[in-house]
């Protein structure tokens, strides 16, 4: 592999792992813009699908699977560290006792849900992108990017919502989950369509020697 392309690929690997970890760490905050309420993690998470499509377009599905597995191992590592940190006793001089446990204790369930949803959705994205690349004979990058990402985002949203929130309170039933899933998926779909030019830009940047 060209050395400059290898360096750029490593940068994308780093951004991918940073984005998925950041999405989990900051994702417990819900913000509101206009009439829409959503997790602030949504600003980081779509970047992962953007990067996998760029990597797969240039390097193929095997390299992209390496990326997904690397991120999966990183997420499991962070989850284990978080669980350890939450369950260790506080020292007397610690000044974040209640807030720390409240924030990171809740994060554990969300993290677990995110890891499972992430891995399944990303593996589907890798498969779907390759499937459509073969069907289109390497043409229509915009179509492959959006078809693979939109379906994968739906898979991710459904799995995450049910594992993270189903049964949390009496109102968190199947109907409520659907009410949460639909607007989140629509918002992710809009972001996926909007980032299509960035896929072309990323592929050009990665191939450029």
Protein backbone atom coordinates (compact mmCIF):
# COMPACT_ATOMS: atom_id res chain seq x y z
CA UNK A 1 0.00 0.00 0.00
CA UNK A 2 1.20 3.52 -0.77
CA UNK A 3 2.64 5.03 2.43
CA UNK A 4 0.55 8.20 2.26
CA UNK A 5 -2.63 6.21 1.68
CA UNK A 6 -1.73 3.98 4.63
CA UNK A 7 -1.26 7.04 6.85
CA UNK A 8 -4.62 8.47 5.77
CA UNK A 9 -6.28 5.11 6.36
CA UNK A 10 -4.86 5.01 9.89
CA UNK A 11 -6.26 8.50 10.51
CA UNK A 12 -9.71 7.30 9.42
CA UNK A 13 -9.36 4.25 11.69
CA UNK A 14 -8.60 6.58 14.61
CA UNK A 15 -11.51 8.91 13.81
CA UNK A 16 -13.86 5.95 13.49
CA UNK A 17 -12.99 4.54 16.91
CA UNK A 18 -13.02 8.01 18.50
CA UNK A 19 -16.46 8.76 17.02
CA UNK A 20 -18.10 5.57 18.26
CA UNK A 21 -16.64 5.95 21.77
CA UNK A 22 -17.59 9.64 21.89
CA UNK A 23 -21.14 8.85 20.77
CA UNK A 24 -21.48 6.50 23.74
CA UNK A 25 -19.88 8.81 26.30
CA UNK A 26 -21.89 11.92 25.39
CA UNK A 27 -25.03 10.12 24.23
CA UNK A 28 -26.90 10.29 27.55
CA UNK A 29 -27.60 14.00 27.03
CA UNK A 30 -30.81 14.76 25.16
CA UNK A 31 -31.00 18.09 23.38
CA UNK A 32 -33.80 19.88 21.57
CA UNK A 33 -33.66 21.80 18.30
CA UNK A 34 -37.02 23.14 17.21
CA UNK A 35 -39.58 20.38 17.65
CA UNK A 36 -37.07 17.54 17.61
CA UNK A 37 -35.47 16.01 20.70
CA UNK A 38 -32.46 13.76 20.20
CA UNK A 39 -29.26 12.48 21.78
CA UNK A 40 -26.20 14.61 21.16
CA UNK A 41 -24.44 11.38 20.22
CA UNK A 42 -26.15 11.60 16.85
CA UNK A 43 -23.53 14.16 15.80
CA UNK A 44 -20.73 11.59 16.15
CA UNK A 45 -22.35 8.26 15.26
CA UNK A 46 -23.20 8.86 11.55
CA UNK A 47 -19.51 9.54 10.98
CA UNK A 48 -18.83 5.83 11.50
CA UNK A 49 -20.97 4.77 8.52
CA UNK A 50 -19.39 7.51 6.41
CA UNK A 51 -15.90 6.21 7.20
CA UNK A 52 -16.73 2.53 6.60
CA UNK A 53 -18.08 3.37 3.15
CA UNK A 54 -14.95 5.37 2.31
CA UNK A 55 -12.66 2.58 3.53
CA UNK A 56 -14.60 -0.12 1.71
CA UNK A 57 -14.71 1.81 -1.55
CA UNK A 58 -10.92 2.18 -1.54
CA UNK A 59 -9.68 -0.93 0.30
CA UNK A 60 -12.51 -3.46 0.04
CA UNK A 61 -14.62 -5.32 2.59
CA UNK A 62 -11.80 -7.26 4.34
CA UNK A 63 -10.04 -4.07 5.44
CA UNK A 64 -13.37 -2.59 6.52
CA UNK A 65 -14.13 -5.66 8.64
CA UNK A 66 -10.78 -5.14 10.36
CA UNK A 67 -11.92 -1.61 11.19
CA UNK A 68 -15.23 -2.80 12.63
CA UNK A 69 -13.58 -5.52 14.73
CA UNK A 70 -10.97 -3.05 16.03
CA UNK A 71 -13.71 -0.64 17.08
CA UNK A 72 -15.73 -3.46 18.64
CA UNK A 73 -12.77 -4.55 20.78
CA UNK A 74 -12.15 -0.92 21.77
CA UNK A 75 -15.78 -0.51 22.85
CA UNK A 76 -15.69 -3.70 24.94
CA UNK A 77 -12.47 -2.48 26.57
CA UNK A 78 -14.02 0.90 27.44
CA UNK A 79 -17.15 -0.83 28.76
CA UNK A 80 -15.10 -3.07 31.07
CA UNK A 81 -13.12 -0.09 32.35
CA UNK A 82 -16.35 1.84 32.97
CA UNK A 83 -17.88 -1.08 34.89
CA UNK A 84 -14.73 -1.38 37.00
CA UNK A 85 -14.68 2.36 37.69
CA UNK A 86 -18.35 2.42 38.74
CA UNK A 87 -18.05 -0.55 41.11
CA UNK A 88 -14.83 0.51 42.85
CA UNK A 89 -15.48 2.29 46.21
CA UNK A 90 -15.10 6.06 46.51
CA UNK A 91 -12.33 7.61 48.59
CA UNK A 92 -13.45 10.07 51.24
CA UNK A 93 -11.97 13.02 49.35
CA UNK A 94 -13.85 12.17 46.15
CA UNK A 95 -16.25 15.00 45.27
CA UNK A 96 -18.26 13.40 42.42
CA UNK A 97 -19.82 10.44 44.23
CA UNK A 98 -23.51 10.78 43.39
CA UNK A 99 -23.13 12.32 39.95
CA UNK A 100 -20.41 9.88 38.88
CA UNK A 101 -22.42 6.78 39.68
CA UNK A 102 -25.61 8.28 38.25
CA UNK A 103 -23.98 9.22 34.95
CA UNK A 104 -21.67 6.27 34.36
CA UNK A 105 -23.97 3.69 35.94
CA UNK A 106 -26.63 4.59 33.39
CA UNK A 107 -24.02 4.62 30.66
CA UNK A 108 -23.25 0.92 31.15
CA UNK A 109 -26.64 -0.28 29.85
CA UNK A 110 -26.51 2.24 27.00
CA UNK A 111 -22.95 1.20 26.20
CA UNK A 112 -23.89 -2.47 26.08
CA UNK A 113 -26.86 -1.72 23.83
CA UNK A 114 -24.69 0.41 21.60
CA UNK A 115 -21.96 -2.23 21.26
CA UNK A 116 -24.41 -4.92 20.17
CA UNK A 117 -26.30 -2.61 17.81
CA UNK A 118 -23.07 -1.15 16.43
CA UNK A 119 -21.51 -4.50 15.57
CA UNK A 120 -24.59 -5.96 13.88
CA UNK A 121 -25.38 -2.77 11.95
CA UNK A 122 -21.80 -2.20 10.82
CA UNK A 123 -21.36 -5.77 9.65
CA UNK A 124 -24.58 -5.39 7.67
CA UNK A 125 -23.29 -2.11 6.24
CA UNK A 126 -20.08 -3.78 5.07
CA UNK A 127 -22.02 -6.63 3.48
CA UNK A 128 -24.65 -4.35 1.88
CA UNK A 129 -22.10 -1.92 0.45
CA UNK A 130 -20.18 -4.80 -1.13
CA UNK A 131 -23.42 -6.36 -2.40
CA UNK A 132 -24.50 -3.18 -4.16
CA UNK A 133 -20.98 -2.55 -5.44
CA UNK A 134 -21.09 -5.90 -7.23
CA UNK A 135 -24.61 -5.26 -8.52
CA UNK A 136 -23.69 -1.83 -9.89
CA UNK A 137 -20.28 -3.03 -11.15
CA UNK A 138 -18.49 -0.39 -9.09
CA UNK A 139 -20.65 2.50 -10.31
CA UNK A 140 -23.11 4.81 -8.53
CA UNK A 141 -21.21 5.33 -5.27
CA UNK A 142 -23.99 7.61 -4.01
CA UNK A 143 -26.53 4.81 -4.41
CA UNK A 144 -24.40 2.19 -2.68
CA UNK A 145 -23.56 4.57 0.13
CA UNK A 146 -27.17 5.49 0.85
CA UNK A 147 -28.76 2.07 0.38
CA UNK A 148 -26.30 0.40 2.73
CA UNK A 149 -26.29 3.18 5.31
CA UNK A 150 -30.04 3.82 5.52
CA UNK A 151 -30.89 0.16 6.16
CA UNK A 152 -27.95 -0.25 8.56
CA UNK A 153 -29.01 2.84 10.51
CA UNK A 154 -32.49 1.36 10.86
CA UNK A 155 -31.05 -1.92 12.18
CA UNK A 156 -28.84 -0.03 14.61
CA UNK A 157 -31.67 2.18 15.88
CA UNK A 158 -34.11 -0.70 16.46
CA UNK A 159 -31.60 -2.90 18.29
CA UNK A 160 -30.22 -0.04 20.38
CA UNK A 161 -33.59 1.34 21.44
CA UNK A 162 -34.98 -2.02 22.53
CA UNK A 163 -31.89 -3.10 24.47
CA UNK A 164 -31.30 0.32 26.04
CA UNK A 165 -34.83 1.39 26.96
CA UNK A 166 -37.39 -1.42 26.63
CA UNK A 167 -39.00 -2.14 30.01
CA UNK A 168 -37.07 0.68 31.70
CA UNK A 169 -40.39 2.03 33.00
CA UNK A 170 -43.99 0.83 32.46
CA UNK A 171 -44.39 3.28 29.58
CA UNK A 172 -41.35 1.89 27.75
CA UNK A 173 -43.36 -0.75 25.88
CA UNK A 174 -43.15 -1.81 22.22
CA UNK A 175 -45.42 1.01 21.03
CA UNK A 176 -43.29 3.59 22.83
CA UNK A 177 -40.14 2.07 21.35
CA UNK A 178 -41.56 2.46 17.84
CA UNK A 179 -42.42 6.08 18.64
CA UNK A 180 -38.77 6.61 19.60
CA UNK A 181 -37.30 4.66 16.70
CA UNK A 182 -39.10 6.32 13.79
CA UNK A 183 -38.02 9.98 14.34
CA UNK A 184 -34.47 8.92 15.25
CA UNK A 185 -34.16 6.84 12.11
CA UNK A 186 -35.63 9.59 9.94
CA UNK A 187 -33.11 12.07 11.39
CA UNK A 188 -30.26 9.62 10.77
CA UNK A 189 -31.54 9.04 7.23
CA UNK A 190 -31.50 12.79 6.53
CA UNK A 191 -27.93 13.00 7.83
CA UNK A 192 -26.93 10.01 5.67
CA UNK A 193 -28.35 11.65 2.54
CA UNK A 194 -26.69 14.95 3.40
CA UNK A 195 -23.23 13.43 3.88
CA UNK A 196 -23.12 11.82 0.40
CA UNK A 197 -20.80 14.55 -0.95
CA UNK A 198 -18.46 13.81 1.95
CA UNK A 199 -18.19 10.19 0.82
CA UNK A 200 -16.98 11.32 -2.59
CA UNK A 201 -14.63 13.82 -0.96
CA UNK A 202 -13.28 11.17 1.43
CA UNK A 203 -12.68 8.64 -1.35
CA UNK A 204 -10.88 11.27 -3.44
CA UNK A 205 -8.77 12.33 -0.43
CA UNK A 206 -7.85 8.76 0.48
CA UNK A 207 -6.89 7.79 -3.08
CA UNK A 208 -4.92 11.00 -3.67
CA UNK A 209 -1.18 10.27 -3.54
